[in-house]
Amino acid sequence: MRVIKIELQALLSSADPSISLASDELRGQLFREMQAAYPEISERIRERARSYFPDSYSVFVRTQGQPDRAAMVTDLWVVDPTIRWPAGLLARSAWRLFIPIMAHAVKESIAAQLDNLNVDVRERDARISVLVPTRSWRDPVLLSAAVAVLTSLYWLILHPAIVRALSNLW
């Protein structure tokens, strides 16, 4: 199981060209009004993103505003129960292919909720993090490391001591 976190940034601009979000007062007012809409926006994005995954996957979404940049940051956490070792090593690069689909879902969901704003999702600035579960002692990486350490200790410490002890007997 792996948890994949996709962070998408969306820049907001007014659909009306006569209104500019460059003003701190307008931006502050907009984000104060949007504060109550964040849970609904997050749920709409989650429902939309959820439709792209099989039933065994879980999707969680958090949307936050950044008034200083006139932007919104959407964090999507996808719990992928199918990824096991060693396929998890390639998970981040494989999920990068999924960014345009998620960006489109985020853009449409935000635009549907906030009809007076233009939304520009920055796909190039998207960040993907893969959170892995804690490894157990039976994990192949840990077993390989333990075998390497024990073999090295045998040949560096025990084997010379055994050879010396046996040479004294003959």
N, C-alpha and C. Protein backbone atom coordinates (compact mmCIF):
# COMPACT_ATOMS: atom_id res chain seq x y z
N MET A 1 0.84 -1.18 0.00
CA MET A 1 0.00 0.00 0.00
C MET A 1 0.89 1.24 0.00
N ARG A 2 0.50 2.21 -0.78
CA ARG A 2 1.22 3.48 -0.83
C ARG A 2 0.20 4.62 -0.76
N VAL A 3 0.60 5.72 -0.17
CA VAL A 3 -0.20 6.94 -0.18
C VAL A 3 0.53 7.93 -1.07
N ILE A 4 -0.15 8.36 -2.11
CA ILE A 4 0.43 9.30 -3.06
C ILE A 4 -0.21 10.66 -2.81
N LYS A 5 0.61 11.67 -2.59
CA LYS A 5 0.11 13.03 -2.37
C LYS A 5 0.43 13.85 -3.61
N ILE A 6 -0.61 14.43 -4.20
CA ILE A 6 -0.46 15.29 -5.37
C ILE A 6 -0.86 16.70 -4.95
N GLU A 7 0.06 17.63 -5.11
CA GLU A 7 -0.21 19.03 -4.75
C GLU A 7 -0.31 19.85 -6.02
N LEU A 8 -1.49 20.43 -6.24
CA LEU A 8 -1.75 21.24 -7.43
C LEU A 8 -2.02 22.68 -7.02
N GLN A 9 -1.38 23.61 -7.71
CA GLN A 9 -1.60 25.03 -7.43
C GLN A 9 -2.43 25.62 -8.56
N ALA A 10 -3.43 26.40 -8.18
CA ALA A 10 -4.30 27.05 -9.16
C ALA A 10 -4.26 28.56 -8.92
N LEU A 11 -3.93 29.30 -9.96
CA LEU A 11 -3.95 30.76 -9.87
C LEU A 11 -5.34 31.24 -10.25
N LEU A 12 -5.84 32.20 -9.50
CA LEU A 12 -7.18 32.72 -9.73
C LEU A 12 -7.10 34.12 -10.32
N SER A 13 -7.99 34.39 -11.25
CA SER A 13 -8.11 35.74 -11.80
C SER A 13 -9.59 36.00 -12.06
N SER A 14 -9.95 37.24 -12.10
CA SER A 14 -11.35 37.61 -12.27
C SER A 14 -11.78 37.37 -13.72
N ALA A 15 -13.00 36.87 -13.89
CA ALA A 15 -13.54 36.68 -15.24
C ALA A 15 -13.91 38.02 -15.86
N ASP A 16 -14.14 39.02 -15.03
CA ASP A 16 -14.45 40.36 -15.50
C ASP A 16 -13.15 41.14 -15.64
N PRO A 17 -12.78 41.57 -16.86
CA PRO A 17 -11.50 42.26 -17.03
C PRO A 17 -11.41 43.60 -16.29
N SER A 18 -12.53 44.18 -15.90
CA SER A 18 -12.48 45.46 -15.18
C SER A 18 -12.14 45.27 -13.70
N ILE A 19 -12.19 44.04 -13.21
CA ILE A 19 -11.86 43.76 -11.81
C ILE A 19 -10.52 43.06 -11.75
N SER A 20 -9.61 43.62 -10.97
CA SER A 20 -8.28 43.04 -10.84
C SER A 20 -8.08 42.53 -9.41
N LEU A 21 -7.49 41.36 -9.30
CA LEU A 21 -7.20 40.81 -7.97
C LEU A 21 -5.85 41.28 -7.45
N ALA A 22 -5.26 42.28 -8.10
CA ALA A 22 -3.98 42.81 -7.63
C ALA A 22 -4.16 43.60 -6.34
N SER A 23 -5.36 44.11 -6.12
CA SER A 23 -5.63 44.87 -4.90
C SER A 23 -5.71 43.94 -3.70
N ASP A 24 -5.01 44.30 -2.64
CA ASP A 24 -5.03 43.49 -1.42
C ASP A 24 -6.42 43.42 -0.81
N GLU A 25 -7.17 44.52 -0.90
CA GLU A 25 -8.52 44.54 -0.33
C GLU A 25 -9.45 43.59 -1.07
N LEU A 26 -9.42 43.62 -2.40
CA LEU A 26 -10.28 42.72 -3.18
C LEU A 26 -9.90 41.26 -2.96
N ARG A 27 -8.61 41.00 -2.96
CA ARG A 27 -8.15 39.62 -2.73
C ARG A 27 -8.56 39.13 -1.35
N GLY A 28 -8.37 39.99 -0.35
CA GLY A 28 -8.75 39.62 1.01
C GLY A 28 -10.24 39.34 1.13
N GLN A 29 -11.06 40.19 0.50
CA GLN A 29 -12.51 40.00 0.52
C GLN A 29 -12.90 38.70 -0.19
N LEU A 30 -12.28 38.44 -1.33
CA LEU A 30 -12.57 37.21 -2.08
C LEU A 30 -12.24 35.97 -1.26
N PHE A 31 -11.08 35.95 -0.63
CA PHE A 31 -10.68 34.76 0.12
C PHE A 31 -11.46 34.61 1.42
N ARG A 32 -11.92 35.71 2.00
CA ARG A 32 -12.80 35.60 3.18
C ARG A 32 -14.13 34.95 2.79
N GLU A 33 -14.66 35.35 1.63
CA GLU A 33 -15.92 34.76 1.16
C GLU A 33 -15.73 33.30 0.75
N MET A 34 -14.57 32.99 0.19
CA MET A 34 -14.31 31.61 -0.25
C MET A 34 -14.02 30.67 0.91
N GLN A 35 -13.66 31.19 2.06
CA GLN A 35 -13.31 30.36 3.22
C GLN A 35 -14.41 29.35 3.53
N ALA A 36 -15.65 29.78 3.45
CA ALA A 36 -16.78 28.89 3.74
C ALA A 36 -16.99 27.86 2.63
N ALA A 37 -16.50 28.15 1.44
CA ALA A 37 -16.72 27.24 0.30
C ALA A 37 -15.65 26.17 0.18
N TYR A 38 -14.55 26.26 0.93
CA TYR A 38 -13.46 25.28 0.80
C TYR A 38 -13.92 23.83 1.01
N PRO A 39 -14.70 23.54 2.06
CA PRO A 39 -15.13 22.13 2.22
C PRO A 39 -15.96 21.63 1.04
N GLU A 40 -16.82 22.48 0.52
CA GLU A 40 -17.65 22.07 -0.62
C GLU A 40 -16.80 21.90 -1.88
N ILE A 41 -15.84 22.79 -2.08
CA ILE A 41 -14.93 22.65 -3.23
C ILE A 41 -14.12 21.37 -3.10
N SER A 42 -13.62 21.10 -1.91
CA SER A 42 -12.83 19.89 -1.69
C SER A 42 -13.66 18.64 -1.95
N GLU A 43 -14.90 18.63 -1.49
CA GLU A 43 -15.76 17.46 -1.71
C GLU A 43 -16.08 17.28 -3.20
N ARG A 44 -16.29 18.38 -3.90
CA ARG A 44 -16.56 18.28 -5.34
C ARG A 44 -15.34 17.73 -6.08
N ILE A 45 -14.15 18.20 -5.71
CA ILE A 45 -12.92 17.69 -6.33
C ILE A 45 -12.74 16.22 -5.99
N ARG A 46 -13.01 15.84 -4.74
CA ARG A 46 -12.86 14.44 -4.33
C ARG A 46 -13.79 13.53 -5.13
N GLU A 47 -15.04 13.95 -5.28
CA GLU A 47 -15.99 13.14 -6.06
C GLU A 47 -15.53 13.00 -7.50
N ARG A 48 -15.05 14.09 -8.05
CA ARG A 48 -14.60 14.06 -9.45
C ARG A 48 -13.35 13.20 -9.60
N ALA A 49 -12.39 13.35 -8.71
CA ALA A 49 -11.16 12.56 -8.77
C ALA A 49 -11.45 11.09 -8.48
N ARG A 50 -12.37 10.83 -7.57
CA ARG A 50 -12.71 9.45 -7.19
C ARG A 50 -13.23 8.65 -8.38
N SER A 51 -13.88 9.32 -9.31
CA SER A 51 -14.44 8.61 -10.47
C SER A 51 -13.37 8.05 -11.40
N TYR A 52 -12.13 8.50 -11.27
CA TYR A 52 -11.05 8.02 -12.13
C TYR A 52 -10.35 6.78 -11.57
N PHE A 53 -10.70 6.35 -10.36
CA PHE A 53 -9.99 5.26 -9.70
C PHE A 53 -10.90 4.06 -9.49
N PRO A 54 -10.30 2.87 -9.35
CA PRO A 54 -11.10 1.69 -8.99
C PRO A 54 -11.67 1.83 -7.57
N ASP A 55 -12.61 0.96 -7.24
CA ASP A 55 -13.28 1.05 -5.94
C ASP A 55 -12.35 0.83 -4.75
N SER A 56 -11.27 0.09 -4.95
CA SER A 56 -10.37 -0.21 -3.83
C SER A 56 -9.49 0.97 -3.43
N TYR A 57 -9.44 2.01 -4.23
CA TYR A 57 -8.63 3.19 -3.93
C TYR A 57 -9.44 4.16 -3.07
N SER A 58 -8.74 4.91 -2.24
CA SER A 58 -9.38 5.96 -1.43
C SER A 58 -8.77 7.30 -1.83
N VAL A 59 -9.61 8.32 -1.87
CA VAL A 59 -9.16 9.66 -2.26
C VAL A 59 -9.58 10.65 -1.18
N PHE A 60 -8.64 11.47 -0.75
CA PHE A 60 -8.90 12.53 0.22
C PHE A 60 -8.39 13.84 -0.38
N VAL A 61 -9.12 14.93 -0.13
CA VAL A 61 -8.77 16.22 -0.74
C VAL A 61 -8.83 17.31 0.31
N ARG A 62 -7.86 18.24 0.23
CA ARG A 62 -7.88 19.44 1.06
C ARG A 62 -7.56 20.63 0.16
N THR A 63 -8.37 21.66 0.25
CA THR A 63 -8.17 22.87 -0.54
C THR A 63 -7.90 24.03 0.41
N GLN A 64 -6.86 24.80 0.10
CA GLN A 64 -6.50 25.95 0.92
C GLN A 64 -6.28 27.15 0.01
N GLY A 65 -6.60 28.31 0.51
CA GLY A 65 -6.35 29.53 -0.23
C GLY A 65 -5.03 30.16 0.14
N GLN A 66 -4.46 30.86 -0.81
CA GLN A 66 -3.24 31.64 -0.58
C GLN A 66 -3.52 33.07 -1.05
N PRO A 67 -4.08 33.89 -0.17
CA PRO A 67 -4.49 35.23 -0.57
C PRO A 67 -3.33 36.10 -1.06
N ASP A 68 -2.14 35.89 -0.55
CA ASP A 68 -1.01 36.73 -0.97
C ASP A 68 -0.65 36.51 -2.43
N ARG A 69 -0.99 35.36 -3.00
CA ARG A 69 -0.66 35.06 -4.40
C ARG A 69 -1.90 34.95 -5.28
N ALA A 70 -3.09 35.16 -4.72
CA ALA A 70 -4.35 34.94 -5.44
C ALA A 70 -4.36 33.54 -6.03
N ALA A 71 -4.12 32.56 -5.16
CA ALA A 71 -4.02 31.17 -5.61
C ALA A 71 -4.71 30.25 -4.61
N MET A 72 -4.98 29.05 -5.09
CA MET A 72 -5.50 27.99 -4.24
C MET A 72 -4.59 26.78 -4.39
N VAL A 73 -4.35 26.08 -3.30
CA VAL A 73 -3.55 24.86 -3.33
C VAL A 73 -4.47 23.70 -2.98
N THR A 74 -4.48 22.71 -3.85
CA THR A 74 -5.30 21.52 -3.64
C THR A 74 -4.37 20.34 -3.41
N ASP A 75 -4.52 19.69 -2.27
CA ASP A 75 -3.76 18.48 -1.96
C ASP A 75 -4.68 17.29 -2.13
N LEU A 76 -4.28 16.36 -3.00
CA LEU A 76 -5.03 15.12 -3.18
C LEU A 76 -4.19 13.99 -2.62
N TRP A 77 -4.75 13.21 -1.72
CA TRP A 77 -4.09 12.02 -1.21
C TRP A 77 -4.83 10.83 -1.78
N VAL A 78 -4.10 9.97 -2.47
CA VAL A 78 -4.68 8.77 -3.07
C VAL A 78 -4.03 7.57 -2.39
N VAL A 79 -4.85 6.73 -1.79
CA VAL A 79 -4.35 5.51 -1.16
C VAL A 79 -4.44 4.41 -2.21
N ASP A 80 -3.27 3.95 -2.66
CA ASP A 80 -3.18 2.92 -3.69
C ASP A 80 -2.84 1.59 -3.03
N PRO A 81 -3.82 0.69 -2.90
CA PRO A 81 -3.56 -0.58 -2.20
C PRO A 81 -2.81 -1.60 -3.04
N THR A 82 -2.60 -1.32 -4.32
CA THR A 82 -2.00 -2.33 -5.21
C THR A 82 -0.49 -2.24 -5.30
N ILE A 83 0.10 -1.13 -4.90
CA ILE A 83 1.55 -0.97 -5.06
C ILE A 83 2.27 -1.69 -3.94
N ARG A 84 3.16 -2.57 -4.31
CA ARG A 84 3.99 -3.31 -3.37
C ARG A 84 5.45 -3.09 -3.76
N TRP A 85 6.34 -3.59 -2.94
CA TRP A 85 7.75 -3.53 -3.25
C TRP A 85 8.02 -4.46 -4.41
N PRO A 86 8.84 -4.17 -5.41
CA PRO A 86 9.63 -2.97 -5.68
C PRO A 86 8.94 -1.97 -6.60
N ALA A 87 7.68 -2.24 -6.96
CA ALA A 87 6.97 -1.33 -7.87
C ALA A 87 6.82 0.06 -7.27
N GLY A 88 6.87 0.17 -5.95
CA GLY A 88 6.75 1.47 -5.30
C GLY A 88 7.85 2.44 -5.66
N LEU A 89 8.99 1.91 -6.12
CA LEU A 89 10.09 2.79 -6.51
C LEU A 89 9.72 3.64 -7.73
N LEU A 90 8.87 3.11 -8.59
CA LEU A 90 8.48 3.82 -9.81
C LEU A 90 7.17 4.57 -9.66
N ALA A 91 6.57 4.54 -8.49
CA ALA A 91 5.24 5.10 -8.31
C ALA A 91 5.20 6.59 -8.61
N ARG A 92 6.19 7.34 -8.15
CA ARG A 92 6.13 8.79 -8.32
C ARG A 92 6.21 9.20 -9.78
N SER A 93 7.10 8.57 -10.54
CA SER A 93 7.22 8.94 -11.95
C SER A 93 5.99 8.48 -12.74
N ALA A 94 5.41 7.35 -12.36
CA ALA A 94 4.21 6.88 -13.06
C ALA A 94 3.02 7.79 -12.77
N TRP A 95 2.92 8.28 -11.55
CA TRP A 95 1.79 9.14 -11.21
C TRP A 95 1.91 10.52 -11.84
N ARG A 96 3.09 10.91 -12.27
CA ARG A 96 3.26 12.20 -12.95
C ARG A 96 2.43 12.24 -14.23
N LEU A 97 2.20 11.08 -14.83
CA LEU A 97 1.37 11.02 -16.03
C LEU A 97 -0.09 11.34 -15.73
N PHE A 98 -0.48 11.23 -14.49
CA PHE A 98 -1.86 11.43 -14.08
C PHE A 98 -2.16 12.89 -13.75
N ILE A 99 -1.14 13.74 -13.70
CA ILE A 99 -1.33 15.14 -13.31
C ILE A 99 -2.29 15.90 -14.23
N PRO A 100 -2.20 15.80 -15.57
CA PRO A 100 -3.15 16.55 -16.40
C PRO A 100 -4.61 16.18 -16.13
N ILE A 101 -4.88 14.93 -15.83
CA ILE A 101 -6.25 14.51 -15.55
C ILE A 101 -6.73 15.12 -14.24
N MET A 102 -5.88 15.06 -13.21
CA MET A 102 -6.26 15.64 -11.92
C MET A 102 -6.37 17.16 -12.01
N ALA A 103 -5.48 17.78 -12.79
CA ALA A 103 -5.53 19.24 -12.96
C ALA A 103 -6.84 19.65 -13.62
N HIS A 104 -7.27 18.88 -14.60
CA HIS A 104 -8.54 19.17 -15.27
C HIS A 104 -9.71 19.02 -14.29
N ALA A 105 -9.68 17.97 -13.48
CA ALA A 105 -10.74 17.77 -12.49
C ALA A 105 -10.77 18.91 -11.48
N VAL A 106 -9.61 19.35 -11.03
CA VAL A 106 -9.53 20.46 -10.08
C VAL A 106 -10.04 21.75 -10.72
N LYS A 107 -9.60 22.01 -11.94
CA LYS A 107 -10.01 23.24 -12.63
C LYS A 107 -11.53 23.29 -12.82
N GLU A 108 -12.10 22.19 -13.30
CA GLU A 108 -13.55 22.17 -13.52
C GLU A 108 -14.33 22.28 -12.22
N SER A 109 -13.85 21.64 -11.18
CA SER A 109 -14.56 21.68 -9.90
C SER A 109 -14.53 23.07 -9.28
N ILE A 110 -13.38 23.73 -9.34
CA ILE A 110 -13.28 25.08 -8.79
C ILE A 110 -14.10 26.05 -9.64
N ALA A 111 -14.01 25.92 -10.97
CA ALA A 111 -14.74 26.82 -11.86
C ALA A 111 -16.26 26.64 -11.70
N ALA A 112 -16.72 25.42 -11.45
CA ALA A 112 -18.15 25.20 -11.25
C ALA A 112 -18.63 25.84 -9.96
N GLN A 113 -17.80 25.84 -8.95
CA GLN A 113 -18.18 26.41 -7.65
C GLN A 113 -18.04 27.94 -7.66
N LEU A 114 -17.02 28.45 -8.31
CA LEU A 114 -16.74 29.89 -8.34
C LEU A 114 -16.83 30.36 -9.79
N ASP A 115 -18.04 30.67 -10.23
CA ASP A 115 -18.26 30.95 -11.65
C ASP A 115 -17.74 32.31 -12.11
N ASN A 116 -17.40 33.21 -11.22
CA ASN A 116 -16.92 34.53 -11.62
C ASN A 116 -15.40 34.63 -11.66
N LEU A 117 -14.71 33.48 -11.55
CA LEU A 117 -13.25 33.46 -11.55
C LEU A 117 -12.71 32.55 -12.65
N ASN A 118 -11.58 32.96 -13.21
CA ASN A 118 -10.84 32.09 -14.12
C ASN A 118 -9.82 31.32 -13.29
N VAL A 119 -9.67 30.05 -13.60
CA VAL A 119 -8.77 29.18 -12.85
C VAL A 119 -7.69 28.67 -13.78
N ASP A 120 -6.43 28.87 -13.39
CA ASP A 120 -5.29 28.38 -14.17
C ASP A 120 -4.49 27.42 -13.29
N VAL A 121 -4.66 26.12 -13.52
CA VAL A 121 -3.94 25.12 -12.73
C VAL A 121 -2.55 24.96 -13.32
N ARG A 122 -1.53 25.13 -12.50
CA ARG A 122 -0.13 25.03 -12.93
C ARG A 122 0.33 23.57 -12.87
N GLU A 123 0.21 22.86 -13.99
CA GLU A 123 0.60 21.45 -14.02
C GLU A 123 2.11 21.29 -13.85
N ARG A 124 2.88 22.23 -14.39
CA ARG A 124 4.34 22.13 -14.28
C ARG A 124 4.83 22.25 -12.85
N ASP A 125 4.08 22.97 -12.02
CA ASP A 125 4.48 23.18 -10.63
C ASP A 125 3.92 22.12 -9.68
N ALA A 126 3.22 21.14 -10.22
CA ALA A 126 2.63 20.09 -9.38
C ALA A 126 3.73 19.28 -8.71
N ARG A 127 3.47 18.92 -7.46
CA ARG A 127 4.44 18.10 -6.72
C ARG A 127 3.78 16.79 -6.32
N ILE A 128 4.55 15.72 -6.44
CA ILE A 128 4.06 14.40 -6.07
C ILE A 128 4.97 13.85 -4.99
N SER A 129 4.37 13.37 -3.92
CA SER A 129 5.11 12.73 -2.84
C SER A 129 4.52 11.34 -2.64
N VAL A 130 5.38 10.37 -2.46
CA VAL A 130 4.92 9.01 -2.20
C VAL A 130 5.30 8.66 -0.77
N LEU A 131 4.31 8.41 0.04
CA LEU A 131 4.52 8.06 1.43
C LEU A 131 4.46 6.55 1.55
N VAL A 132 5.51 5.95 2.07
CA VAL A 132 5.57 4.49 2.15
C VAL A 132 5.31 4.03 3.58
N PRO A 133 4.75 2.85 3.72
CA PRO A 133 4.54 2.33 5.07
C PRO A 133 5.85 1.90 5.71
N THR A 134 5.83 1.74 7.00
CA THR A 134 7.02 1.29 7.73
C THR A 134 7.38 -0.12 7.30
N ARG A 135 8.66 -0.35 7.10
CA ARG A 135 9.11 -1.66 6.65
C ARG A 135 9.18 -2.63 7.83
N SER A 136 8.85 -3.88 7.56
CA SER A 136 8.99 -4.92 8.59
C SER A 136 10.34 -5.61 8.41
N TRP A 137 10.69 -6.50 9.33
CA TRP A 137 11.99 -7.16 9.26
C TRP A 137 12.06 -8.12 8.08
N ARG A 138 10.92 -8.50 7.49
CA ARG A 138 10.92 -9.42 6.35
C ARG A 138 11.01 -8.70 5.01
N ASP A 139 11.13 -7.40 5.03
CA ASP A 139 11.24 -6.64 3.79
C ASP A 139 12.54 -7.00 3.07
N PRO A 140 12.51 -7.18 1.75
CA PRO A 140 13.72 -7.58 1.01
C PRO A 140 14.90 -6.63 1.18
N VAL A 141 14.64 -5.35 1.28
CA VAL A 141 15.74 -4.39 1.44
C VAL A 141 16.42 -4.59 2.79
N LEU A 142 15.63 -4.72 3.84
CA LEU A 142 16.21 -4.91 5.16
C LEU A 142 16.90 -6.27 5.29
N LEU A 143 16.32 -7.30 4.71
CA LEU A 143 16.96 -8.62 4.75
C LEU A 143 18.29 -8.60 4.00
N SER A 144 18.33 -7.95 2.85
CA SER A 144 19.58 -7.85 2.07
C SER A 144 20.64 -7.10 2.85
N ALA A 145 20.25 -6.01 3.49
CA ALA A 145 21.21 -5.24 4.28
C ALA A 145 21.72 -6.06 5.47
N ALA A 146 20.84 -6.80 6.13
CA ALA A 146 21.25 -7.63 7.26
C ALA A 146 22.21 -8.73 6.82
N VAL A 147 21.93 -9.35 5.69
CA VAL A 147 22.82 -10.40 5.17
C VAL A 147 24.18 -9.81 4.83
N ALA A 148 24.21 -8.64 4.21
CA ALA A 148 25.48 -8.00 3.85
C ALA A 148 26.29 -7.66 5.10
N VAL A 149 25.65 -7.13 6.12
CA VAL A 149 26.36 -6.78 7.36
C VAL A 149 26.87 -8.02 8.06
N LEU A 150 26.04 -9.04 8.18
CA LEU A 150 26.47 -10.27 8.87
C LEU A 150 27.58 -10.99 8.11
N THR A 151 27.51 -11.01 6.79
CA THR A 151 28.57 -11.63 5.99
C THR A 151 29.88 -10.87 6.15
N SER A 152 29.80 -9.56 6.12
CA SER A 152 31.01 -8.74 6.30
C SER A 152 31.62 -8.97 7.68
N LEU A 153 30.80 -9.01 8.70
CA LEU A 153 31.31 -9.27 10.05
C LEU A 153 31.97 -10.64 10.14
N TYR A 154 31.39 -11.63 9.51
CA TYR A 154 31.99 -12.97 9.54
C TYR A 154 33.38 -12.95 8.92
N TRP A 155 33.50 -12.40 7.70
CA TRP A 155 34.77 -12.45 6.99
C TRP A 155 35.82 -11.51 7.58
N LEU A 156 35.40 -10.41 8.18
CA LEU A 156 36.36 -9.47 8.75
C LEU A 156 36.78 -9.81 10.18
N ILE A 157 35.90 -10.41 10.96
CA ILE A 157 36.19 -10.64 12.37
C ILE A 157 36.25 -12.13 12.72
N LEU A 158 35.19 -12.85 12.44
CA LEU A 158 35.12 -14.24 12.88
C LEU A 158 36.06 -15.17 12.11
N HIS A 159 36.09 -15.07 10.81
CA HIS A 159 36.91 -15.99 10.02
C HIS A 159 38.40 -15.90 10.39
N PRO A 160 38.99 -14.70 10.47
CA PRO A 160 40.40 -14.64 10.88
C PRO A 160 40.62 -15.21 12.28
N ALA A 161 39.70 -14.99 13.20
CA ALA A 161 39.84 -15.54 14.55
C ALA A 161 39.76 -17.06 14.55
N ILE A 162 38.86 -17.60 13.75
CA ILE A 162 38.73 -19.07 13.65
C ILE A 162 39.98 -19.68 13.03
N VAL A 163 40.51 -19.06 11.98
CA VAL A 163 41.72 -19.57 11.32
C VAL A 163 42.89 -19.55 12.29
N ARG A 164 43.05 -18.48 13.07
CA ARG A 164 44.13 -18.41 14.06
C ARG A 164 43.96 -19.48 15.13
N ALA A 165 42.74 -19.67 15.59
CA ALA A 165 42.50 -20.67 16.64
C ALA A 165 42.78 -22.08 16.13
N LEU A 166 42.39 -22.35 14.91
CA LEU A 166 42.63 -23.68 14.34
C LEU A 166 44.10 -23.90 14.00
N SER A 167 44.80 -22.86 13.61
CA SER A 167 46.22 -23.02 13.28
C SER A 167 47.04 -23.33 14.53
N ASN A 168 46.60 -22.86 15.69
CA ASN A 168 47.28 -23.17 16.95
C ASN A 168 47.08 -24.63 17.36
N LEU A 169 46.01 -25.25 16.90
CA LEU A 169 45.74 -26.64 17.24
C LEU A 169 46.66 -27.59 16.48
N TRP A 170 47.08 -27.26 15.29
CA TRP A 170 47.92 -28.17 14.48
C TRP A 170 49.33 -27.81 14.63
